[in-house]
Amino acid sequence: SSGIVGLTLVNGVVTQVAVGGAPDPNVRAYLATDPT
């Protein structure tokens, strides 16, 4: 299994953010930490 990180735009740059207990309105997608 794999955890995830959120992806958001910060000054036009895709940035990873931790996924917490509440949704972050800036998260536009999720990325698996282990895609396999």
PDB file of all heavy atoms in Angstrom:
ATOM      1  N   SER A   1       0.836  -1.193   0.000  1.00  0.00           N
ATOM      2  CA  SER A   1       0.000   0.000   0.000  1.00  0.00           C
ATOM      3  C   SER A   1       0.874   1.246   0.000  1.00  0.00           C
ATOM      4  O   SER A   1       2.080   1.180   0.203  1.00  0.00           O
ATOM      5  CB  SER A   1      -0.920   0.009   1.211  1.00  0.00           C
ATOM      6  OG  SER A   1      -0.159   0.255   2.377  1.00  0.00           O
ATOM      7  N   SER A   2       0.217   2.380  -0.215  1.00  0.00           N
ATOM      8  CA  SER A   2       0.936   3.642  -0.291  1.00  0.00           C
ATOM      9  C   SER A   2       0.127   4.750   0.337  1.00  0.00           C
ATOM     10  O   SER A   2      -1.105   4.766   0.259  1.00  0.00           O
ATOM     11  CB  SER A   2       1.205   3.988  -1.762  1.00  0.00           C
ATOM     12  OG  SER A   2       1.736   5.297  -1.881  1.00  0.00           O
ATOM     13  N   GLY A   3       0.825   5.692   0.925  1.00  0.00           N
ATOM     14  CA  GLY A   3       0.201   6.917   1.383  1.00  0.00           C
ATOM     15  C   GLY A   3       0.128   7.909   0.234  1.00  0.00           C
ATOM     16  O   GLY A   3       0.493   7.596  -0.900  1.00  0.00           O
ATOM     17  N   ILE A   4      -0.328   9.114   0.527  1.00  0.00           N
ATOM     18  CA  ILE A   4      -0.453  10.126  -0.516  1.00  0.00           C
ATOM     19  C   ILE A   4       0.051  11.471  -0.031  1.00  0.00           C
ATOM     20  O   ILE A   4       0.182  11.703   1.172  1.00  0.00           O
ATOM     21  CB  ILE A   4      -1.925  10.294  -0.965  1.00  0.00           C
ATOM     22  CG1 ILE A   4      -2.814  10.629   0.231  1.00  0.00           C
ATOM     23  CG2 ILE A   4      -2.415   9.083  -1.713  1.00  0.00           C
ATOM     24  CD1 ILE A   4      -4.218  11.036  -0.123  1.00  0.00           C
ATOM     25  N   VAL A   5       0.350  12.355  -0.985  1.00  0.00           N
ATOM     26  CA  VAL A   5       0.609  13.767  -0.720  1.00  0.00           C
ATOM     27  C   VAL A   5      -0.309  14.555  -1.639  1.00  0.00           C
ATOM     28  O   VAL A   5      -0.694  14.083  -2.710  1.00  0.00           O
ATOM     29  CB  VAL A   5       2.090  14.161  -0.960  1.00  0.00           C
ATOM     30  CG1 VAL A   5       2.994  13.504   0.063  1.00  0.00           C
ATOM     31  CG2 VAL A   5       2.530  13.843  -2.361  1.00  0.00           C
ATOM     32  N   GLY A   6      -0.678  15.746  -1.211  1.00  0.00           N
ATOM     33  CA  GLY A   6      -1.504  16.610  -2.037  1.00  0.00           C
ATOM     34  C   GLY A   6      -0.623  17.440  -2.952  1.00  0.00           C
ATOM     35  O   GLY A   6       0.518  17.756  -2.629  1.00  0.00           O
ATOM     36  N   LEU A   7      -1.160  17.803  -4.104  1.00  0.00           N
ATOM     37  CA  LEU A   7      -0.441  18.664  -5.043  1.00  0.00           C
ATOM     38  C   LEU A   7      -1.215  19.968  -5.186  1.00  0.00           C
ATOM     39  O   LEU A   7      -2.429  19.970  -5.377  1.00  0.00           O
ATOM     40  CB  LEU A   7      -0.306  17.993  -6.414  1.00  0.00           C
ATOM     41  CG  LEU A   7       0.476  16.688  -6.452  1.00  0.00           C
ATOM     42  CD1 LEU A   7       0.483  16.109  -7.858  1.00  0.00           C
ATOM     43  CD2 LEU A   7       1.895  16.883  -5.959  1.00  0.00           C
ATOM     44  N   THR A   8      -0.489  21.085  -5.087  1.00  0.00           N
ATOM     45  CA  THR A   8      -1.094  22.403  -5.204  1.00  0.00           C
ATOM     46  C   THR A   8      -0.161  23.319  -5.984  1.00  0.00           C
ATOM     47  O   THR A   8       1.013  22.988  -6.188  1.00  0.00           O
ATOM     48  CB  THR A   8      -1.408  22.981  -3.811  1.00  0.00           C
ATOM     49  OG1 THR A   8      -2.150  24.171  -3.948  1.00  0.00           O
ATOM     50  CG2 THR A   8      -0.152  23.216  -3.007  1.00  0.00           C
ATOM     51  N   LEU A   9      -0.665  24.424  -6.437  1.00  0.00           N
ATOM     52  CA  LEU A   9       0.159  25.417  -7.146  1.00  0.00           C
ATOM     53  C   LEU A   9       0.539  26.535  -6.186  1.00  0.00           C
ATOM     54  O   LEU A   9      -0.317  27.152  -5.557  1.00  0.00           O
ATOM     55  CB  LEU A   9      -0.601  26.013  -8.327  1.00  0.00           C
ATOM     56  CG  LEU A   9      -0.729  25.146  -9.570  1.00  0.00           C
ATOM     57  CD1 LEU A   9      -1.608  25.815 -10.602  1.00  0.00           C
ATOM     58  CD2 LEU A   9       0.621  24.827 -10.155  1.00  0.00           C
ATOM     59  N   VAL A  10       1.840  26.790  -6.081  1.00  0.00           N
ATOM     60  CA  VAL A  10       2.351  27.897  -5.287  1.00  0.00           C
ATOM     61  C   VAL A  10       3.206  28.741  -6.216  1.00  0.00           C
ATOM     62  O   VAL A  10       4.255  28.284  -6.696  1.00  0.00           O
ATOM     63  CB  VAL A  10       3.173  27.402  -4.068  1.00  0.00           C
ATOM     64  CG1 VAL A  10       3.771  28.585  -3.313  1.00  0.00           C
ATOM     65  CG2 VAL A  10       2.326  26.540  -3.158  1.00  0.00           C
ATOM     66  N   ASN A  11       2.741  29.938  -6.507  1.00  0.00           N
ATOM     67  CA  ASN A  11       3.427  30.836  -7.448  1.00  0.00           C
ATOM     68  C   ASN A  11       3.699  30.148  -8.785  1.00  0.00           C
ATOM     69  O   ASN A  11       4.770  30.275  -9.367  1.00  0.00           O
ATOM     70  CB  ASN A  11       4.740  31.362  -6.844  1.00  0.00           C
ATOM     71  CG  ASN A  11       4.500  32.179  -5.593  1.00  0.00           C
ATOM     72  OD1 ASN A  11       3.491  32.873  -5.486  1.00  0.00           O
ATOM     73  ND2 ASN A  11       5.414  32.089  -4.643  1.00  0.00           N
ATOM     74  N   GLY A  12       2.734  29.394  -9.262  1.00  0.00           N
ATOM     75  CA  GLY A  12       2.853  28.737 -10.559  1.00  0.00           C
ATOM     76  C   GLY A  12       3.686  27.470 -10.555  1.00  0.00           C
ATOM     77  O   GLY A  12       3.916  26.871 -11.603  1.00  0.00           O
ATOM     78  N   VAL A  13       4.144  27.028  -9.390  1.00  0.00           N
ATOM     79  CA  VAL A  13       4.971  25.828  -9.285  1.00  0.00           C
ATOM     80  C   VAL A  13       4.170  24.746  -8.552  1.00  0.00           C
ATOM     81  O   VAL A  13       3.577  25.008  -7.500  1.00  0.00           O
ATOM     82  CB  VAL A  13       6.281  26.123  -8.511  1.00  0.00           C
ATOM     83  CG1 VAL A  13       7.113  24.862  -8.339  1.00  0.00           C
ATOM     84  CG2 VAL A  13       7.078  27.200  -9.215  1.00  0.00           C
ATOM     85  N   VAL A  14       4.152  23.526  -9.117  1.00  0.00           N
ATOM     86  CA  VAL A  14       3.469  22.409  -8.461  1.00  0.00           C
ATOM     87  C   VAL A  14       4.255  22.046  -7.203  1.00  0.00           C
ATOM     88  O   VAL A  14       5.454  21.785  -7.250  1.00  0.00           O
ATOM     89  CB  VAL A  14       3.363  21.191  -9.402  1.00  0.00           C
ATOM     90  CG1 VAL A  14       2.757  20.001  -8.672  1.00  0.00           C
ATOM     91  CG2 VAL A  14       2.540  21.533 -10.628  1.00  0.00           C
ATOM     92  N   THR A  15       3.553  22.032  -6.063  1.00  0.00           N
ATOM     93  CA  THR A  15       4.191  21.803  -4.776  1.00  0.00           C
ATOM     94  C   THR A  15       3.448  20.708  -4.030  1.00  0.00           C
ATOM     95  O   THR A  15       2.218  20.643  -4.063  1.00  0.00           O
ATOM     96  CB  THR A  15       4.158  23.105  -3.936  1.00  0.00           C
ATOM     97  OG1 THR A  15       4.715  24.159  -4.712  1.00  0.00           O
ATOM     98  CG2 THR A  15       4.924  22.947  -2.649  1.00  0.00           C
ATOM     99  N   GLN A  16       4.207  19.841  -3.357  1.00  0.00           N
ATOM    100  CA  GLN A  16       3.607  18.782  -2.541  1.00  0.00           C
ATOM    101  C   GLN A  16       3.284  19.326  -1.161  1.00  0.00           C
ATOM    102  O   GLN A  16       4.078  20.052  -0.574  1.00  0.00           O
ATOM    103  CB  GLN A  16       4.567  17.600  -2.401  1.00  0.00           C
ATOM    104  CG  GLN A  16       4.835  16.880  -3.682  1.00  0.00           C
ATOM    105  CD  GLN A  16       5.736  15.675  -3.489  1.00  0.00           C
ATOM    106  OE1 GLN A  16       6.065  15.292  -2.370  1.00  0.00           O
ATOM    107  NE2 GLN A  16       6.133  15.070  -4.591  1.00  0.00           N
ATOM    108  N   VAL A  17       2.085  18.944  -0.656  1.00  0.00           N
ATOM    109  CA  VAL A  17       1.681  19.330   0.701  1.00  0.00           C
ATOM    110  C   VAL A  17       1.167  18.093   1.412  1.00  0.00           C
ATOM    111  O   VAL A  17       0.641  17.173   0.791  1.00  0.00           O
ATOM    112  CB  VAL A  17       0.602  20.436   0.691  1.00  0.00           C
ATOM    113  CG1 VAL A  17       1.142  21.730   0.134  1.00  0.00           C
ATOM    114  CG2 VAL A  17      -0.625  19.998  -0.066  1.00  0.00           C
ATOM    115  N   ALA A  18       1.325  18.072   2.717  1.00  0.00           N
ATOM    116  CA  ALA A  18       0.839  16.937   3.507  1.00  0.00           C
ATOM    117  C   ALA A  18      -0.684  16.934   3.511  1.00  0.00           C
ATOM    118  O   ALA A  18      -1.327  17.984   3.476  1.00  0.00           O
ATOM    119  CB  ALA A  18       1.373  17.027   4.932  1.00  0.00           C
ATOM    120  N   VAL A  19      -1.257  15.743   3.557  1.00  0.00           N
ATOM    121  CA  VAL A  19      -2.710  15.588   3.631  1.00  0.00           C
ATOM    122  C   VAL A  19      -3.063  15.393   5.093  1.00  0.00           C
ATOM    123  O   VAL A  19      -2.659  14.417   5.710  1.00  0.00           O
ATOM    124  CB  VAL A  19      -3.177  14.388   2.777  1.00  0.00           C
ATOM    125  CG1 VAL A  19      -4.677  14.196   2.912  1.00  0.00           C
ATOM    126  CG2 VAL A  19      -2.777  14.579   1.336  1.00  0.00           C
ATOM    127  N   GLY A  20      -3.814  16.320   5.654  1.00  0.00           N
ATOM    128  CA  GLY A  20      -4.144  16.269   7.074  1.00  0.00           C
ATOM    129  C   GLY A  20      -5.528  15.727   7.342  1.00  0.00           C
ATOM    130  O   GLY A  20      -6.103  15.004   6.534  1.00  0.00           O
ATOM    131  N   GLY A  21      -6.082  16.133   8.474  1.00  0.00           N
ATOM    132  CA  GLY A  21      -7.386  15.643   8.893  1.00  0.00           C
ATOM    133  C   GLY A  21      -8.559  16.362   8.256  1.00  0.00           C
ATOM    134  O   GLY A  21      -9.687  15.929   8.353  1.00  0.00           O
ATOM    135  N   ALA A  22      -8.301  17.496   7.612  1.00  0.00           N
ATOM    136  CA  ALA A  22      -9.371  18.243   6.944  1.00  0.00           C
ATOM    137  C   ALA A  22      -8.922  18.565   5.519  1.00  0.00           C
ATOM    138  O   ALA A  22      -7.724  18.681   5.250  1.00  0.00           O
ATOM    139  CB  ALA A  22      -9.660  19.528   7.711  1.00  0.00           C
ATOM    140  N   PRO A  23      -9.867  18.696   4.602  1.00  0.00           N
ATOM    141  CA  PRO A  23      -9.469  18.969   3.221  1.00  0.00           C
ATOM    142  C   PRO A  23      -8.836  20.348   3.072  1.00  0.00           C
ATOM    143  O   PRO A  23      -9.256  21.303   3.709  1.00  0.00           O
ATOM    144  CB  PRO A  23     -10.773  18.871   2.436  1.00  0.00           C
ATOM    145  CG  PRO A  23     -11.875  18.928   3.430  1.00  0.00           C
ATOM    146  CD  PRO A  23     -11.304  18.549   4.746  1.00  0.00           C
ATOM    147  N   ASP A  24      -7.830  20.432   2.243  1.00  0.00           N
ATOM    148  CA  ASP A  24      -7.169  21.684   1.920  1.00  0.00           C
ATOM    149  C   ASP A  24      -7.765  22.177   0.607  1.00  0.00           C
ATOM    150  O   ASP A  24      -7.649  21.507  -0.421  1.00  0.00           O
ATOM    151  CB  ASP A  24      -5.664  21.447   1.782  1.00  0.00           C
ATOM    152  CG  ASP A  24      -4.884  22.714   1.494  1.00  0.00           C
ATOM    153  OD1 ASP A  24      -5.511  23.732   1.114  1.00  0.00           O
ATOM    154  OD2 ASP A  24      -3.648  22.690   1.620  1.00  0.00           O
ATOM    155  N   PRO A  25      -8.412  23.351   0.578  1.00  0.00           N
ATOM    156  CA  PRO A  25      -9.058  23.811  -0.653  1.00  0.00           C
ATOM    157  C   PRO A  25      -8.077  24.092  -1.785  1.00  0.00           C
ATOM    158  O   PRO A  25      -8.478  24.189  -2.942  1.00  0.00           O
ATOM    159  CB  PRO A  25      -9.788  25.090  -0.217  1.00  0.00           C
ATOM    160  CG  PRO A  25      -9.154  25.508   1.052  1.00  0.00           C
ATOM    161  CD  PRO A  25      -8.581  24.287   1.684  1.00  0.00           C
ATOM    162  N   ASN A  26      -6.784  24.199  -1.465  1.00  0.00           N
ATOM    163  CA  ASN A  26      -5.787  24.467  -2.503  1.00  0.00           C
ATOM    164  C   ASN A  26      -5.294  23.207  -3.208  1.00  0.00           C
ATOM    165  O   ASN A  26      -4.630  23.303  -4.233  1.00  0.00           O
ATOM    166  CB  ASN A  26      -4.595  25.221  -1.900  1.00  0.00           C
ATOM    167  CG  ASN A  26      -5.022  26.559  -1.346  1.00  0.00           C
ATOM    168  OD1 ASN A  26      -5.806  27.268  -1.965  1.00  0.00           O
ATOM    169  ND2 ASN A  26      -4.532  26.887  -0.163  1.00  0.00           N
ATOM    170  N   VAL A  27      -5.582  22.021  -2.640  1.00  0.00           N
ATOM    171  CA  VAL A  27      -5.121  20.775  -3.253  1.00  0.00           C
ATOM    172  C   VAL A  27      -5.921  20.522  -4.526  1.00  0.00           C
ATOM    173  O   VAL A  27      -7.147  20.532  -4.523  1.00  0.00           O
ATOM    174  CB  VAL A  27      -5.249  19.586  -2.271  1.00  0.00           C
ATOM    175  CG1 VAL A  27      -4.981  18.260  -2.976  1.00  0.00           C
ATOM    176  CG2 VAL A  27      -4.287  19.773  -1.121  1.00  0.00           C
ATOM    177  N   ARG A  28      -5.213  20.304  -5.615  1.00  0.00           N
ATOM    178  CA  ARG A  28      -5.848  20.063  -6.912  1.00  0.00           C
ATOM    179  C   ARG A  28      -5.743  18.604  -7.351  1.00  0.00           C
ATOM    180  O   ARG A  28      -6.458  18.164  -8.235  1.00  0.00           O
ATOM    181  CB  ARG A  28      -5.224  20.956  -7.983  1.00  0.00           C
ATOM    182  CG  ARG A  28      -5.381  22.403  -7.709  1.00  0.00           C
ATOM    183  CD  ARG A  28      -6.857  22.784  -7.847  1.00  0.00           C
ATOM    184  NE  ARG A  28      -7.071  24.164  -7.471  1.00  0.00           N
ATOM    185  CZ  ARG A  28      -7.814  24.546  -6.466  1.00  0.00           C
ATOM    186  NH1 ARG A  28      -8.417  23.653  -5.709  1.00  0.00           N
ATOM    187  NH2 ARG A  28      -7.993  25.807  -6.180  1.00  0.00           N
ATOM    188  N   ALA A  29      -4.833  17.845  -6.741  1.00  0.00           N
ATOM    189  CA  ALA A  29      -4.660  16.430  -7.090  1.00  0.00           C
ATOM    190  C   ALA A  29      -3.911  15.753  -5.961  1.00  0.00           C
ATOM    191  O   ALA A  29      -3.385  16.415  -5.059  1.00  0.00           O
ATOM    192  CB  ALA A  29      -3.890  16.292  -8.401  1.00  0.00           C
ATOM    193  N   TYR A  30      -3.872  14.418  -6.014  1.00  0.00           N
ATOM    194  CA  TYR A  30      -3.127  13.632  -5.031  1.00  0.00           C
ATOM    195  C   TYR A  30      -2.106  12.791  -5.759  1.00  0.00           C
ATOM    196  O   TYR A  30      -2.316  12.347  -6.888  1.00  0.00           O
ATOM    197  CB  TYR A  30      -4.065  12.731  -4.223  1.00  0.00           C
ATOM    198  CG  TYR A  30      -5.034  13.507  -3.376  1.00  0.00           C
ATOM    199  CD1 TYR A  30      -6.362  13.638  -3.748  1.00  0.00           C
ATOM    200  CD2 TYR A  30      -4.617  14.123  -2.204  1.00  0.00           C
ATOM    201  CE1 TYR A  30      -7.254  14.361  -2.980  1.00  0.00           C
ATOM    202  CE2 TYR A  30      -5.506  14.848  -1.428  1.00  0.00           C
ATOM    203  CZ  TYR A  30      -6.814  14.962  -1.826  1.00  0.00           C
ATOM    204  OH  TYR A  30      -7.686  15.680  -1.062  1.00  0.00           O
ATOM    205  N   LEU A  31      -0.975  12.554  -5.091  1.00  0.00           N
ATOM    206  CA  LEU A  31       0.097  11.752  -5.661  1.00  0.00           C
ATOM    207  C   LEU A  31       0.435  10.631  -4.685  1.00  0.00           C
ATOM    208  O   LEU A  31       0.659  10.881  -3.491  1.00  0.00           O
ATOM    209  CB  LEU A  31       1.335  12.629  -5.895  1.00  0.00           C
ATOM    210  CG  LEU A  31       2.582  11.936  -6.423  1.00  0.00           C
ATOM    211  CD1 LEU A  31       2.355  11.448  -7.851  1.00  0.00           C
ATOM    212  CD2 LEU A  31       3.771  12.888  -6.374  1.00  0.00           C
ATOM    213  N   ALA A  32       0.459   9.392  -5.186  1.00  0.00           N
ATOM    214  CA  ALA A  32       0.838   8.256  -4.343  1.00  0.00           C
ATOM    215  C   ALA A  32       2.329   8.325  -4.066  1.00  0.00           C
ATOM    216  O   ALA A  32       3.124   8.571  -4.970  1.00  0.00           O
ATOM    217  CB  ALA A  32       0.492   6.949  -5.040  1.00  0.00           C
ATOM    218  N   THR A  33       2.720   8.106  -2.809  1.00  0.00           N
ATOM    219  CA  THR A  33       4.146   8.111  -2.479  1.00  0.00           C
ATOM    220  C   THR A  33       4.839   6.882  -3.043  1.00  0.00           C
ATOM    221  O   THR A  33       6.041   6.899  -3.252  1.00  0.00           O
ATOM    222  CB  THR A  33       4.351   8.194  -0.953  1.00  0.00           C
ATOM    223  OG1 THR A  33       3.623   7.129  -0.338  1.00  0.00           O
ATOM    224  CG2 THR A  33       3.856   9.526  -0.419  1.00  0.00           C
ATOM    225  N   ASP A  34       4.101   5.809  -3.307  1.00  0.00           N
ATOM    226  CA  ASP A  34       4.631   4.612  -3.970  1.00  0.00           C
ATOM    227  C   ASP A  34       3.654   4.224  -5.086  1.00  0.00           C
ATOM    228  O   ASP A  34       2.674   3.530  -4.841  1.00  0.00           O
ATOM    229  CB  ASP A  34       4.783   3.463  -2.978  1.00  0.00           C
ATOM    230  CG  ASP A  34       5.301   2.183  -3.617  1.00  0.00           C
ATOM    231  OD1 ASP A  34       5.622   2.185  -4.831  1.00  0.00           O
ATOM    232  OD2 ASP A  34       5.364   1.154  -2.910  1.00  0.00           O
ATOM    233  N   PRO A  35       3.905   4.667  -6.314  1.00  0.00           N
ATOM    234  CA  PRO A  35       2.955   4.395  -7.407  1.00  0.00           C
ATOM    235  C   PRO A  35       2.883   2.928  -7.827  1.00  0.00           C
ATOM    236  O   PRO A  35       2.009   2.551  -8.586  1.00  0.00           O
ATOM    237  CB  PRO A  35       3.471   5.267  -8.551  1.00  0.00           C
ATOM    238  CG  PRO A  35       4.887   5.555  -8.227  1.00  0.00           C
ATOM    239  CD  PRO A  35       5.023   5.484  -6.739  1.00  0.00           C
ATOM    240  N   THR A  36       3.767   2.081  -7.308  1.00  0.00           N
ATOM    241  CA  THR A  36       3.722   0.656  -7.658  1.00  0.00           C
ATOM    242  C   THR A  36       2.874  -0.151  -6.681  1.00  0.00           C
ATOM    243  O   THR A  36       2.721  -1.355  -6.856  1.00  0.00           O
ATOM    244  CB  THR A  36       5.143   0.059  -7.705  1.00  0.00           C
ATOM    245  OG1 THR A  36       5.721   0.144  -6.395  1.00  0.00           O
ATOM    246  CG2 THR A  36       6.022   0.795  -8.713  1.00  0.00           C
TER     247      THR A  36
END
